[in-house]
Amino acid sequence: MQTESQPQLRRLDAFNVSGVTARTTQRHESDPDAAQIGALWDRFFDERVYEKTPHRINDMRLFGVYSAYEADAHGAFDITTGVAVSDGPSAIRIEGGDYLVFTGQGEMPQMVLAVWKAIWQYFEARPDIKRRYRSDFEAYSGPEQVAIHIGVELD
């Protein structure tokens, strides 16, 4: 399993993702009986959301989007598992702006959990770097590859 120790700063244009959404918290996700993210991905694949989503664009990645933050990492947030779309009534808007991109490669779900652990450690060690808490996302370019984009405010 590989995780990149230093994230890359990237400026991204806004885009849309559509799929299935649930509301959760970090506290719920740490409790196997209350966790929703794994079940949401199961639903995404079981219901063949990728094939059924209208307005898909030519982007083969799958997305896990974190949005509608109540406050910060400790509050409630929406998680959407989906695909990039041009528009649509249920599309989630990924804000344009600056993102720190953390990457990982390896067996799921252990690899993505390890990347998130590295993200928490990175921000804990750098309190001067401020997260935006508006739209963050995981972009899966293959079954064992992820790039997790965390929105940041740069001075």
Protein backbone atom coordinates (compact mmCIF):
# COMPACT_ATOMS: atom_id res chain seq x y z
CA MET A 1 0.00 0.00 0.00
CA GLN A 2 1.35 3.40 -0.98
CA THR A 3 0.32 6.81 0.30
CA GLU A 4 2.03 9.99 -0.78
CA SER A 5 3.45 11.74 2.28
CA GLN A 6 3.27 15.27 0.89
CA PRO A 7 0.10 16.47 -0.81
CA GLN A 8 0.14 18.39 -4.07
CA LEU A 9 -1.54 21.80 -4.28
CA ARG A 10 -3.93 22.08 -7.23
CA ARG A 11 -6.33 24.79 -8.37
CA LEU A 12 -9.50 23.24 -9.78
CA ASP A 13 -12.47 24.56 -11.72
CA ALA A 14 -15.93 23.87 -10.35
CA PHE A 15 -17.77 20.76 -11.55
CA ASN A 16 -20.84 18.68 -10.70
CA VAL A 17 -21.32 15.16 -9.35
CA SER A 18 -24.59 13.24 -9.19
CA GLY A 19 -25.35 9.98 -7.40
CA VAL A 20 -26.74 8.84 -4.05
CA THR A 21 -26.40 10.85 -0.83
CA ALA A 22 -26.56 10.28 2.93
CA ARG A 23 -26.00 12.54 5.94
CA THR A 24 -23.54 11.38 8.57
CA THR A 25 -20.88 12.44 11.09
CA GLN A 26 -17.35 11.27 11.91
CA ARG A 27 -18.73 9.86 15.16
CA HIS A 28 -21.28 7.74 13.27
CA GLU A 29 -18.62 6.55 10.82
CA SER A 30 -16.44 5.27 13.68
CA ASP A 31 -19.34 3.04 14.84
CA PRO A 32 -19.78 0.00 12.54
CA ASP A 33 -23.49 -0.16 13.38
CA ALA A 34 -24.13 3.50 12.47
CA ALA A 35 -21.60 3.98 9.63
CA GLN A 36 -23.18 4.89 6.29
CA ILE A 37 -20.34 5.48 3.84
CA GLY A 38 -19.62 1.82 3.08
CA ALA A 39 -23.32 1.07 2.71
CA LEU A 40 -23.70 4.06 0.38
CA TRP A 41 -20.95 2.73 -1.89
CA ASP A 42 -22.64 -0.70 -1.83
CA ARG A 43 -25.90 0.96 -2.88
CA PHE A 44 -24.09 2.89 -5.64
CA PHE A 45 -22.81 -0.36 -7.16
CA ASP A 46 -25.89 -2.52 -6.43
CA GLU A 47 -28.25 0.01 -8.05
CA ARG A 48 -25.85 0.54 -10.98
CA VAL A 49 -25.96 4.30 -10.41
CA TYR A 50 -23.04 4.87 -12.80
CA GLU A 51 -25.00 3.43 -15.72
CA LYS A 52 -28.31 5.11 -14.82
CA THR A 53 -27.13 8.66 -14.11
CA PRO A 54 -28.19 11.14 -16.82
CA HIS A 55 -25.94 13.96 -18.08
CA ARG A 56 -22.69 12.04 -17.40
CA ILE A 57 -19.61 13.66 -18.87
CA ASN A 58 -16.52 12.01 -20.31
CA ASP A 59 -14.85 11.41 -16.93
CA MET A 60 -14.52 7.76 -15.94
CA ARG A 61 -13.66 8.44 -12.29
CA LEU A 62 -16.00 7.63 -9.42
CA PHE A 63 -16.42 10.24 -6.71
CA GLY A 64 -17.09 10.34 -3.00
CA VAL A 65 -18.07 13.95 -2.26
CA TYR A 66 -18.18 15.50 1.21
CA SER A 67 -20.38 18.62 1.29
CA ALA A 68 -23.00 20.59 3.23
CA TYR A 69 -20.74 20.65 6.28
CA GLU A 70 -22.56 21.69 9.44
CA ALA A 71 -19.39 23.35 10.74
CA ASP A 72 -16.11 21.46 10.53
CA ALA A 73 -14.81 17.89 10.84
CA HIS A 74 -16.85 17.34 14.02
CA GLY A 75 -20.27 18.27 12.63
CA ALA A 76 -22.66 16.54 10.25
CA PHE A 77 -21.96 16.44 6.51
CA ASP A 78 -23.40 14.95 3.33
CA ILE A 79 -21.57 12.16 1.51
CA THR A 80 -22.45 11.56 -2.14
CA THR A 81 -21.18 8.60 -4.14
CA GLY A 82 -21.45 9.44 -7.80
CA VAL A 83 -20.14 10.38 -11.20
CA ALA A 84 -19.29 13.68 -12.89
CA VAL A 85 -22.24 15.24 -14.73
CA SER A 86 -22.82 18.37 -16.80
CA ASP A 87 -25.88 19.35 -14.74
CA GLY A 88 -29.04 17.92 -13.24
CA PRO A 89 -31.53 18.56 -10.47
CA SER A 90 -29.70 16.43 -7.89
CA ALA A 91 -26.15 17.43 -8.86
CA ILE A 92 -23.74 18.40 -6.08
CA ARG A 93 -21.49 21.34 -6.98
CA ILE A 94 -17.78 20.89 -6.29
CA GLU A 95 -16.42 24.36 -5.68
CA GLY A 96 -13.57 25.63 -7.74
CA GLY A 97 -10.49 26.72 -5.86
CA ASP A 98 -7.39 25.46 -4.13
CA TYR A 99 -7.17 21.83 -3.03
CA LEU A 100 -4.48 19.78 -1.35
CA VAL A 101 -4.47 16.39 -3.07
CA PHE A 102 -3.46 13.29 -1.13
CA THR A 103 -3.01 10.08 -3.12
CA GLY A 104 -2.97 6.41 -2.32
CA GLN A 105 -2.71 3.07 -4.07
CA GLY A 106 -3.47 -0.35 -2.65
CA GLU A 107 -6.18 -2.64 -1.39
CA MET A 108 -9.51 -1.14 -0.44
CA PRO A 109 -10.81 -0.10 2.01
CA GLN A 110 -7.60 -0.19 4.07
CA MET A 111 -5.76 2.07 1.63
CA VAL A 112 -8.34 4.86 1.62
CA LEU A 113 -8.57 4.70 5.42
CA ALA A 114 -4.77 5.07 5.59
CA VAL A 115 -4.91 8.12 3.31
CA TRP A 116 -7.58 9.72 5.52
CA LYS A 117 -5.44 9.02 8.59
CA ALA A 118 -2.53 10.78 6.85
CA ILE A 119 -4.83 13.72 6.05
CA TRP A 120 -5.91 14.11 9.69
CA GLN A 121 -2.28 13.95 10.81
CA TYR A 122 -1.22 16.46 8.15
CA PHE A 123 -3.75 19.09 9.26
CA GLU A 124 -3.19 18.40 12.95
CA ALA A 125 0.52 19.12 12.48
CA ARG A 126 -0.19 22.27 10.43
CA PRO A 127 -2.88 24.33 12.20
CA ASP A 128 -1.91 27.32 10.02
CA ILE A 129 -3.41 25.60 6.95
CA LYS A 130 -7.17 26.22 7.00
CA ARG A 131 -9.67 23.83 5.45
CA ARG A 132 -12.67 25.39 3.67
CA TYR A 133 -15.22 22.72 4.71
CA ARG A 134 -17.41 23.35 1.67
CA SER A 135 -16.59 20.56 -0.76
CA ASP A 136 -13.95 17.86 -0.45
CA PHE A 137 -13.85 14.73 -2.55
CA GLU A 138 -12.32 11.36 -3.24
CA ALA A 139 -11.67 10.63 -6.93
CA TYR A 140 -11.21 6.96 -7.78
CA SER A 141 -9.42 6.41 -11.08
CA GLY A 142 -9.25 2.63 -10.58
CA PRO A 143 -10.19 -0.05 -8.06
CA GLU A 144 -7.00 0.55 -6.06
CA GLN A 145 -6.25 4.24 -6.73
CA VAL A 146 -7.59 7.34 -4.98
CA ALA A 147 -6.82 11.05 -4.96
CA ILE A 148 -8.47 12.81 -2.01
CA HIS A 149 -8.96 16.54 -2.57
CA ILE A 150 -9.27 18.76 0.51
CA GLY A 151 -10.35 22.37 -0.08
CA VAL A 152 -8.04 24.89 1.58
CA GLU A 153 -7.93 28.67 2.05
CA LEU A 154 -4.65 30.21 0.97
CA ASP A 155 -3.60 33.68 2.06
